[in-house]
Amino acid sequence: MTEEDIVRGFWHFNQKKEWPPRKITNLEEYKGGDRLNLDITQQSYLSAYQQTQLVKKWCDTLPKLSKVKYIWFISKVNQKTFDAVCEMPNLEGIWIKWSGIKNIDKIVKLKSLKHFHIGSSSQIESITCLADMNSLITLELEHIKKINEFEPISKCLKLEGLAIEGSMWTTQEIKNLTPIEKLKKLKYLSLMNTKILDASLKPLLQLKQLKRFDSSLNLPSQEIYNLKKIKALEFGNVPAEYLDIKTQVKNKLKWL
């Protein structure tokens, strides 16, 4: 990961690099290439039947798109679409804005998946399958309110970036951060709009490569102050008076 990836996140928008590419809705708009940005649901100009047929066409096609390595969904994703994505042969990255997905178990079929972002998805019932996703480098989970135990993530030992976040209106509960202390390669961690039930950041002190940490800051001051023991930490929203860091994020971003 580059320093810009660490500061902004792997999926940060970059128009010059067409990251993501122009969104498309109809299958005929796809002209090949390794990146695909889909807007295929919530199309108000379509009848219910036409909407269903559009999604079905894409679900039938996605497993055949062997050139695609990165896919974005900027409208709501249903279970059938997610399952179809999990049949794509060479996928390395998935970005989902929000979803009604309940089950993500089929993701284990994606043996080359390195980057997974799933936005607000309050219906997800289990993340046990993530224990088998040892190819992941970045993982970002938002508003998966049925989950507060994140032990499966401890098996993702290649992770360099991790986000477990609440939504704009809902706080994500996290039982404790013990699973995260095993992720020795972690370089950025975001816990925005979360509530850590045991109110302890102690597991993070094991993350010697952590360079960026964003938090809700609803924790005891001493827990935050102790983060200064992480010598690599220099980015994030933790107040400088706690960390005595050299450079605040807002200054560093000027040259990125």
C-alpha atoms as a PDB file:
ATOM      1  CA  MET A   1       0.000   0.000   0.000  1.00  0.00           C
ATOM      2  CA  THR A   2       1.154   3.533  -0.786  1.00  0.00           C
ATOM      3  CA  GLU A   3       1.177   6.288   1.836  1.00  0.00           C
ATOM      4  CA  GLU A   4      -1.793   7.860   0.065  1.00  0.00           C
ATOM      5  CA  ASP A   5      -3.677   4.559   0.433  1.00  0.00           C
ATOM      6  CA  ILE A   6      -2.879   4.580   4.134  1.00  0.00           C
ATOM      7  CA  VAL A   7      -4.046   8.177   4.659  1.00  0.00           C
ATOM      8  CA  ARG A   8      -7.130   8.152   2.417  1.00  0.00           C
ATOM      9  CA  GLY A   9      -7.993   4.453   2.231  1.00  0.00           C
ATOM     10  CA  PHE A  10      -7.465   2.018  -0.625  1.00  0.00           C
ATOM     11  CA  TRP A  11     -10.712   2.941  -2.386  1.00  0.00           C
ATOM     12  CA  HIS A  12     -10.200   6.734  -2.377  1.00  0.00           C
ATOM     13  CA  PHE A  13     -11.536   8.471  -5.496  1.00  0.00           C
ATOM     14  CA  ASN A  14      -8.990   9.311  -8.196  1.00  0.00           C
ATOM     15  CA  GLN A  15     -10.467  10.714 -11.385  1.00  0.00           C
ATOM     16  CA  LYS A  16      -7.167  10.806 -13.274  1.00  0.00           C
ATOM     17  CA  LYS A  17      -6.742   7.071 -12.800  1.00  0.00           C
ATOM     18  CA  GLU A  18     -10.435   6.385 -13.554  1.00  0.00           C
ATOM     19  CA  TRP A  19     -10.839   4.950 -10.090  1.00  0.00           C
ATOM     20  CA  PRO A  20     -13.663   4.149 -10.231  1.00  0.00           C
ATOM     21  CA  PRO A  21     -14.472   4.221 -13.947  1.00  0.00           C
ATOM     22  CA  ARG A  22     -17.620   5.822 -15.359  1.00  0.00           C
ATOM     23  CA  LYS A  23     -20.759   4.145 -14.047  1.00  0.00           C
ATOM     24  CA  ILE A  24     -22.840   2.025 -16.398  1.00  0.00           C
ATOM     25  CA  THR A  25     -26.296   0.479 -16.180  1.00  0.00           C
ATOM     26  CA  ASN A  26     -26.871  -1.569 -19.315  1.00  0.00           C
ATOM     27  CA  LEU A  27     -24.785  -4.543 -20.332  1.00  0.00           C
ATOM     28  CA  GLU A  28     -24.186  -3.058 -23.771  1.00  0.00           C
ATOM     29  CA  GLU A  29     -22.229  -0.196 -22.151  1.00  0.00           C
ATOM     30  CA  TYR A  30     -19.454  -2.465 -20.943  1.00  0.00           C
ATOM     31  CA  LYS A  31     -16.565  -2.261 -23.419  1.00  0.00           C
ATOM     32  CA  GLY A  32     -14.153  -4.624 -21.713  1.00  0.00           C
ATOM     33  CA  GLY A  33     -11.380  -3.785 -19.283  1.00  0.00           C
ATOM     34  CA  ASP A  34     -10.521  -4.817 -15.750  1.00  0.00           C
ATOM     35  CA  ARG A  35     -12.750  -2.285 -13.928  1.00  0.00           C
ATOM     36  CA  LEU A  36     -16.520  -2.200 -13.747  1.00  0.00           C
ATOM     37  CA  ASN A  37     -18.718   0.368 -11.992  1.00  0.00           C
ATOM     38  CA  LEU A  38     -22.379  -0.685 -11.906  1.00  0.00           C
ATOM     39  CA  ASP A  39     -25.554   1.273 -11.224  1.00  0.00           C
ATOM     40  CA  ILE A  40     -28.191  -1.386 -11.834  1.00  0.00           C
ATOM     41  CA  THR A  41     -30.856  -1.031  -9.135  1.00  0.00           C
ATOM     42  CA  GLN A  42     -33.116   1.776  -7.925  1.00  0.00           C
ATOM     43  CA  GLN A  43     -33.743   2.848 -11.533  1.00  0.00           C
ATOM     44  CA  SER A  44     -36.920   4.913 -11.213  1.00  0.00           C
ATOM     45  CA  TYR A  45     -37.524   5.014 -14.967  1.00  0.00           C
ATOM     46  CA  LEU A  46     -37.863   1.221 -15.143  1.00  0.00           C
ATOM     47  CA  SER A  47     -40.926  -0.845 -14.322  1.00  0.00           C
ATOM     48  CA  ALA A  48     -40.569  -3.505 -11.637  1.00  0.00           C
ATOM     49  CA  TYR A  49     -40.353  -6.168 -14.341  1.00  0.00           C
ATOM     50  CA  GLN A  50     -37.705  -4.274 -16.298  1.00  0.00           C
ATOM     51  CA  GLN A  51     -35.682  -3.731 -13.128  1.00  0.00           C
ATOM     52  CA  THR A  52     -35.789  -7.437 -12.317  1.00  0.00           C
ATOM     53  CA  GLN A  53     -34.749  -8.364 -15.857  1.00  0.00           C
ATOM     54  CA  LEU A  54     -31.840  -5.891 -15.783  1.00  0.00           C
ATOM     55  CA  VAL A  55     -30.438  -7.394 -12.599  1.00  0.00           C
ATOM     56  CA  LYS A  56     -30.978 -10.908 -13.901  1.00  0.00           C
ATOM     57  CA  LYS A  57     -29.056 -10.132 -17.090  1.00  0.00           C
ATOM     58  CA  TRP A  58     -26.098  -8.848 -15.102  1.00  0.00           C
ATOM     59  CA  CYS A  59     -26.224 -11.803 -12.703  1.00  0.00           C
ATOM     60  CA  ASP A  60     -26.067 -14.175 -15.650  1.00  0.00           C
ATOM     61  CA  THR A  61     -23.157 -12.255 -17.156  1.00  0.00           C
ATOM     62  CA  LEU A  62     -20.884 -11.390 -14.225  1.00  0.00           C
ATOM     63  CA  PRO A  63     -19.463 -14.912 -13.746  1.00  0.00           C
ATOM     64  CA  LYS A  64     -18.331 -14.817 -17.387  1.00  0.00           C
ATOM     65  CA  LEU A  65     -16.362 -11.556 -17.120  1.00  0.00           C
ATOM     66  CA  SER A  66     -12.902 -13.016 -16.639  1.00  0.00           C
ATOM     67  CA  LYS A  67     -11.112  -9.714 -17.376  1.00  0.00           C
ATOM     68  CA  VAL A  68     -12.723  -7.812 -14.501  1.00  0.00           C
ATOM     69  CA  LYS A  69     -10.517  -7.443 -11.416  1.00  0.00           C
ATOM     70  CA  TYR A  70     -12.285  -4.590  -9.626  1.00  0.00           C
ATOM     71  CA  ILE A  71     -16.007  -3.955  -9.338  1.00  0.00           C
ATOM     72  CA  TRP A  72     -18.008  -1.122  -7.752  1.00  0.00           C
ATOM     73  CA  PHE A  73     -21.748  -1.018  -6.992  1.00  0.00           C
ATOM     74  CA  ILE A  74     -23.087   2.476  -6.382  1.00  0.00           C
ATOM     75  CA  SER A  75     -26.707   1.401  -5.900  1.00  0.00           C
ATOM     76  CA  LYS A  76     -28.209  -1.171  -3.542  1.00  0.00           C
ATOM     77  CA  VAL A  77     -26.979  -4.749  -3.964  1.00  0.00           C
ATOM     78  CA  ASN A  78     -29.266  -7.712  -3.343  1.00  0.00           C
ATOM     79  CA  GLN A  79     -28.327 -11.269  -2.377  1.00  0.00           C
ATOM     80  CA  LYS A  80     -28.597 -12.653  -5.896  1.00  0.00           C
ATOM     81  CA  THR A  81     -26.232 -10.033  -7.296  1.00  0.00           C
ATOM     82  CA  PHE A  82     -23.680 -10.592  -4.526  1.00  0.00           C
ATOM     83  CA  ASP A  83     -23.752 -14.342  -5.108  1.00  0.00           C
ATOM     84  CA  ALA A  84     -23.142 -13.752  -8.821  1.00  0.00           C
ATOM     85  CA  VAL A  85     -20.159 -11.537  -8.033  1.00  0.00           C
ATOM     86  CA  CYS A  86     -18.717 -14.380  -5.972  1.00  0.00           C
ATOM     87  CA  GLU A  87     -18.598 -16.478  -9.154  1.00  0.00           C
ATOM     88  CA  MET A  88     -16.333 -14.031 -10.988  1.00  0.00           C
ATOM     89  CA  PRO A  89     -13.076 -15.881 -11.726  1.00  0.00           C
ATOM     90  CA  ASN A  90     -10.377 -13.213 -11.323  1.00  0.00           C
ATOM     91  CA  LEU A  91     -11.821 -10.637  -8.971  1.00  0.00           C
ATOM     92  CA  GLU A  92      -9.372  -8.793  -6.707  1.00  0.00           C
ATOM     93  CA  GLY A  93     -11.557  -6.003  -5.326  1.00  0.00           C
ATOM     94  CA  ILE A  94     -15.242  -5.400  -4.447  1.00  0.00           C
ATOM     95  CA  TRP A  95     -16.710  -2.050  -3.381  1.00  0.00           C
ATOM     96  CA  ILE A  96     -20.389  -1.973  -2.372  1.00  0.00           C
ATOM     97  CA  LYS A  97     -22.098   1.265  -1.338  1.00  0.00           C
ATOM     98  CA  TRP A  98     -24.938  -0.467   0.548  1.00  0.00           C
ATOM     99  CA  SER A  99     -26.871  -3.692   0.453  1.00  0.00           C
ATOM    100  CA  GLY A 100     -29.669  -5.937   1.615  1.00  0.00           C
ATOM    101  CA  ILE A 101     -27.321  -8.921   1.739  1.00  0.00           C
ATOM    102  CA  LYS A 102     -27.908 -11.430   4.545  1.00  0.00           C
ATOM    103  CA  ASN A 103     -25.258 -14.022   3.764  1.00  0.00           C
ATOM    104  CA  ILE A 104     -21.696 -13.419   2.529  1.00  0.00           C
ATOM    105  CA  ASP A 105     -20.477 -17.027   2.784  1.00  0.00           C
ATOM    106  CA  LYS A 106     -19.952 -17.430  -0.956  1.00  0.00           C
ATOM    107  CA  ILE A 107     -17.157 -14.872  -0.845  1.00  0.00           C
ATOM    108  CA  VAL A 108     -14.789 -17.734   0.010  1.00  0.00           C
ATOM    109  CA  LYS A 109     -14.945 -18.704  -3.678  1.00  0.00           C
ATOM    110  CA  LEU A 110     -12.951 -15.574  -4.528  1.00  0.00           C
ATOM    111  CA  LYS A 111      -9.467 -16.952  -3.947  1.00  0.00           C
ATOM    112  CA  SER A 112      -7.753 -13.857  -5.394  1.00  0.00           C
ATOM    113  CA  LEU A 113      -9.787 -11.241  -3.502  1.00  0.00           C
ATOM    114  CA  LYS A 114      -7.521  -8.653  -1.900  1.00  0.00           C
ATOM    115  CA  HIS A 115      -9.822  -5.718  -1.176  1.00  0.00           C
ATOM    116  CA  PHE A 116     -13.405  -5.830   0.140  1.00  0.00           C
ATOM    117  CA  HIS A 117     -15.521  -2.833   1.090  1.00  0.00           C
ATOM    118  CA  ILE A 118     -19.145  -3.327   2.039  1.00  0.00           C
ATOM    119  CA  GLY A 119     -21.120  -0.254   2.979  1.00  0.00           C
ATOM    120  CA  SER A 120     -24.214  -0.115   5.154  1.00  0.00           C
ATOM    121  CA  SER A 121     -25.453  -3.719   5.325  1.00  0.00           C
ATOM    122  CA  SER A 122     -27.521  -4.143   8.462  1.00  0.00           C
ATOM    123  CA  GLN A 123     -28.925  -7.543   7.458  1.00  0.00           C
ATOM    124  CA  ILE A 124     -25.648  -9.490   7.378  1.00  0.00           C
ATOM    125  CA  GLU A 125     -26.040 -12.338   9.860  1.00  0.00           C
ATOM    126  CA  SER A 126     -22.501 -13.743  10.125  1.00  0.00           C
ATOM    127  CA  ILE A 127     -18.904 -12.946   9.185  1.00  0.00           C
ATOM    128  CA  THR A 128     -17.526 -16.386  10.098  1.00  0.00           C
ATOM    129  CA  CYS A 129     -16.472 -16.959   6.486  1.00  0.00           C
ATOM    130  CA  LEU A 130     -13.923 -14.127   6.712  1.00  0.00           C
ATOM    131  CA  ALA A 131     -11.685 -16.488   8.700  1.00  0.00           C
ATOM    132  CA  ASP A 132     -11.015 -18.244   5.386  1.00  0.00           C
ATOM    133  CA  MET A 133     -10.213 -15.050   3.458  1.00  0.00           C
ATOM    134  CA  ASN A 134      -6.463 -15.041   4.025  1.00  0.00           C
ATOM    135  CA  SER A 135      -5.768 -13.225   0.766  1.00  0.00           C
ATOM    136  CA  LEU A 136      -7.384  -9.972   1.984  1.00  0.00           C
ATOM    137  CA  ILE A 137      -5.185  -6.883   2.248  1.00  0.00           C
ATOM    138  CA  THR A 138      -7.952  -4.390   3.045  1.00  0.00           C
ATOM    139  CA  LEU A 139     -11.341  -5.012   4.634  1.00  0.00           C
ATOM    140  CA  GLU A 140     -13.968  -2.338   5.305  1.00  0.00           C
ATOM    141  CA  LEU A 141     -17.266  -3.156   7.021  1.00  0.00           C
ATOM    142  CA  GLU A 142     -20.004  -0.599   7.698  1.00  0.00           C
ATOM    143  CA  HIS A 143     -23.171  -0.872   9.791  1.00  0.00           C
ATOM    144  CA  ILE A 144     -23.312  -4.642  10.209  1.00  0.00           C
ATOM    145  CA  LYS A 145     -25.321  -4.167  13.381  1.00  0.00           C
ATOM    146  CA  LYS A 146     -26.160  -7.854  13.917  1.00  0.00           C
ATOM    147  CA  ILE A 147     -22.471  -8.523  14.555  1.00  0.00           C
ATOM    148  CA  ASN A 148     -20.411  -7.321  17.510  1.00  0.00           C
ATOM    149  CA  GLU A 149     -17.897 -10.195  17.743  1.00  0.00           C
ATOM    150  CA  PHE A 150     -15.084  -9.921  15.187  1.00  0.00           C
ATOM    151  CA  GLU A 151     -12.903 -12.931  16.000  1.00  0.00           C
ATOM    152  CA  PRO A 152     -12.965 -14.282  12.385  1.00  0.00           C
ATOM    153  CA  ILE A 153     -10.978 -11.237  11.266  1.00  0.00           C
ATOM    154  CA  SER A 154      -8.041 -12.372  13.404  1.00  0.00           C
ATOM    155  CA  LYS A 155      -7.306 -15.017  10.761  1.00  0.00           C
ATOM    156  CA  CYS A 156      -6.813 -12.415   8.008  1.00  0.00           C
ATOM    157  CA  LEU A 157      -3.116 -12.058   8.731  1.00  0.00           C
ATOM    158  CA  LYS A 158      -2.277 -10.187   5.508  1.00  0.00           C
ATOM    159  CA  LEU A 159      -4.548  -7.257   6.367  1.00  0.00           C
ATOM    160  CA  GLU A 160      -2.899  -3.858   6.032  1.00  0.00           C
ATOM    161  CA  GLY A 161      -6.106  -1.812   6.163  1.00  0.00           C
ATOM    162  CA  LEU A 162      -9.203  -2.407   8.298  1.00  0.00           C
ATOM    163  CA  ALA A 163     -12.372  -0.402   8.903  1.00  0.00           C
ATOM    164  CA  ILE A 164     -15.230  -1.390  11.187  1.00  0.00           C
ATOM    165  CA  GLU A 165     -17.642   1.512  11.249  1.00  0.00           C
ATOM    166  CA  GLY A 166     -21.163   2.543  12.072  1.00  0.00           C
ATOM    167  CA  SER A 167     -23.443   4.379   9.680  1.00  0.00           C
ATOM    168  CA  MET A 168     -24.246   8.070   9.799  1.00  0.00           C
ATOM    169  CA  TRP A 169     -27.128   7.444  12.222  1.00  0.00           C
ATOM    170  CA  THR A 170     -26.255   4.139  13.891  1.00  0.00           C
ATOM    171  CA  THR A 171     -23.311   3.259  16.132  1.00  0.00           C
ATOM    172  CA  GLN A 172     -21.602  -0.074  15.470  1.00  0.00           C
ATOM    173  CA  GLU A 173     -20.945  -2.105  18.614  1.00  0.00           C
ATOM    174  CA  ILE A 174     -17.651  -4.000  18.955  1.00  0.00           C
ATOM    175  CA  LYS A 175     -17.288  -6.451  21.833  1.00  0.00           C
ATOM    176  CA  ASN A 176     -13.538  -5.876  22.092  1.00  0.00           C
ATOM    177  CA  LEU A 177     -10.466  -5.304  19.929  1.00  0.00           C
ATOM    178  CA  THR A 178      -8.665  -8.499  20.926  1.00  0.00           C
ATOM    179  CA  PRO A 179      -8.952 -10.057  17.423  1.00  0.00           C
ATOM    180  CA  ILE A 180      -7.223  -7.024  15.915  1.00  0.00           C
ATOM    181  CA  GLU A 181      -4.032  -7.371  17.987  1.00  0.00           C
ATOM    182  CA  LYS A 182      -3.092 -10.392  15.856  1.00  0.00           C
ATOM    183  CA  LEU A 183      -3.009  -8.315  12.649  1.00  0.00           C
ATOM    184  CA  LYS A 184       0.667  -7.387  12.825  1.00  0.00           C
ATOM    185  CA  LYS A 185       0.783  -5.939   9.285  1.00  0.00           C
ATOM    186  CA  LEU A 186      -2.032  -3.448   9.892  1.00  0.00           C
ATOM    187  CA  LYS A 187      -1.144   0.068   8.703  1.00  0.00           C
ATOM    188  CA  TYR A 188      -4.523   1.794   8.973  1.00  0.00           C
ATOM    189  CA  LEU A 189      -7.522   1.212  11.208  1.00  0.00           C
ATOM    190  CA  SER A 190     -10.821   3.088  11.246  1.00  0.00           C
ATOM    191  CA  LEU A 191     -13.392   2.659  14.008  1.00  0.00           C
ATOM    192  CA  MET A 192     -15.567   5.671  13.258  1.00  0.00           C
ATOM    193  CA  ASN A 193     -18.967   5.800  14.979  1.00  0.00           C
ATOM    194  CA  THR A 194     -18.342   2.671  17.030  1.00  0.00           C
ATOM    195  CA  LYS A 195     -18.758   1.710  20.664  1.00  0.00           C
ATOM    196  CA  ILE A 196     -16.107  -0.648  22.028  1.00  0.00           C
ATOM    197  CA  LEU A 197     -17.955  -2.472  24.769  1.00  0.00           C
ATOM    198  CA  ASP A 198     -14.945  -3.067  27.002  1.00  0.00           C
ATOM    199  CA  ALA A 199     -13.669   0.495  26.321  1.00  0.00           C
ATOM    200  CA  SER A 200     -10.082  -0.715  25.823  1.00  0.00           C
ATOM    201  CA  LEU A 201      -7.558   0.176  23.114  1.00  0.00           C
ATOM    202  CA  LYS A 202      -4.837  -1.956  24.674  1.00  0.00           C
ATOM    203  CA  PRO A 203      -4.830  -4.543  21.834  1.00  0.00           C
ATOM    204  CA  LEU A 204      -3.763  -1.807  19.407  1.00  0.00           C
ATOM    205  CA  LEU A 205      -0.445  -1.436  21.217  1.00  0.00           C
ATOM    206  CA  GLN A 206       0.620  -4.682  19.516  1.00  0.00           C
ATOM    207  CA  LEU A 207       0.314  -3.056  16.080  1.00  0.00           C
ATOM    208  CA  LYS A 208       3.837  -1.754  15.571  1.00  0.00           C
ATOM    209  CA  GLN A 209       3.238  -0.810  11.892  1.00  0.00           C
ATOM    210  CA  LEU A 210       0.007   1.160  12.498  1.00  0.00           C
ATOM    211  CA  LYS A 211       0.365   4.562  10.832  1.00  0.00           C
ATOM    212  CA  ARG A 212      -3.236   5.815  10.808  1.00  0.00           C
ATOM    213  CA  PHE A 213      -6.000   5.446  13.382  1.00  0.00           C
ATOM    214  CA  ASP A 214      -9.451   7.033  13.189  1.00  0.00           C
ATOM    215  CA  SER A 215     -11.800   6.629  16.131  1.00  0.00           C
ATOM    216  CA  SER A 216     -15.035   7.958  17.586  1.00  0.00           C
ATOM    217  CA  LEU A 217     -13.000   9.182  20.593  1.00  0.00           C
ATOM    218  CA  ASN A 218     -15.753   8.123  23.002  1.00  0.00           C
ATOM    219  CA  LEU A 219     -13.153   6.292  25.088  1.00  0.00           C
ATOM    220  CA  PRO A 220     -11.366   7.095  28.345  1.00  0.00           C
ATOM    221  CA  SER A 221      -8.612   9.684  27.841  1.00  0.00           C
ATOM    222  CA  GLN A 222      -5.982   7.327  29.233  1.00  0.00           C
ATOM    223  CA  GLU A 223      -6.778   4.733  26.563  1.00  0.00           C
ATOM    224  CA  ILE A 224      -6.197   7.319  23.854  1.00  0.00           C
ATOM    225  CA  TYR A 225      -3.091   8.710  25.531  1.00  0.00           C
ATOM    226  CA  ASN A 226      -1.501   5.251  25.630  1.00  0.00           C
ATOM    227  CA  LEU A 227      -1.531   5.163  21.829  1.00  0.00           C
ATOM    228  CA  LYS A 228       1.595   7.317  21.838  1.00  0.00           C
ATOM    229  CA  LYS A 229       3.424   4.057  22.512  1.00  0.00           C
ATOM    230  CA  ILE A 230       2.819   3.165  18.858  1.00  0.00           C
ATOM    231  CA  LYS A 231       5.847   4.878  17.345  1.00  0.00           C
ATOM    232  CA  ALA A 232       4.715   4.531  13.727  1.00  0.00           C
ATOM    233  CA  LEU A 233       1.387   6.306  14.320  1.00  0.00           C
ATOM    234  CA  GLU A 234       1.249   9.706  12.620  1.00  0.00           C
ATOM    235  CA  PHE A 235      -2.131  10.013  10.870  1.00  0.00           C
ATOM    236  CA  GLY A 236      -5.704  10.031  12.075  1.00  0.00           C
ATOM    237  CA  ASN A 237      -8.187  12.061  14.085  1.00  0.00           C
ATOM    238  CA  VAL A 238      -6.697  11.435  17.524  1.00  0.00           C
ATOM    239  CA  PRO A 239      -5.945  14.848  19.083  1.00  0.00           C
ATOM    240  CA  ALA A 240      -2.270  15.814  18.948  1.00  0.00           C
ATOM    241  CA  GLU A 241      -2.174  16.661  22.645  1.00  0.00           C
ATOM    242  CA  TYR A 242      -2.572  12.944  23.350  1.00  0.00           C
ATOM    243  CA  LEU A 243      -0.031  11.667  20.852  1.00  0.00           C
ATOM    244  CA  ASP A 244       2.464  14.494  20.474  1.00  0.00           C
ATOM    245  CA  ILE A 245       2.740  13.558  16.813  1.00  0.00           C
ATOM    246  CA  LYS A 246       4.824  15.622  14.414  1.00  0.00           C
ATOM    247  CA  THR A 247       2.329  16.078  11.604  1.00  0.00           C
ATOM    248  CA  GLN A 248      -1.429  16.352  11.628  1.00  0.00           C
ATOM    249  CA  VAL A 249      -3.362  14.727   8.809  1.00  0.00           C
ATOM    250  CA  LYS A 250      -4.677  18.036   7.465  1.00  0.00           C
ATOM    251  CA  ASN A 251      -1.102  19.243   6.876  1.00  0.00           C
ATOM    252  CA  LYS A 252       0.091  15.978   5.384  1.00  0.00           C
ATOM    253  CA  LEU A 253      -2.745  15.938   2.880  1.00  0.00           C
ATOM    254  CA  LYS A 254      -1.536  19.151   1.239  1.00  0.00           C
ATOM    255  CA  TRP A 255       1.069  17.309  -0.818  1.00  0.00           C
ATOM    256  CA  LEU A 256      -0.813  14.054  -1.448  1.00  0.00           C
END
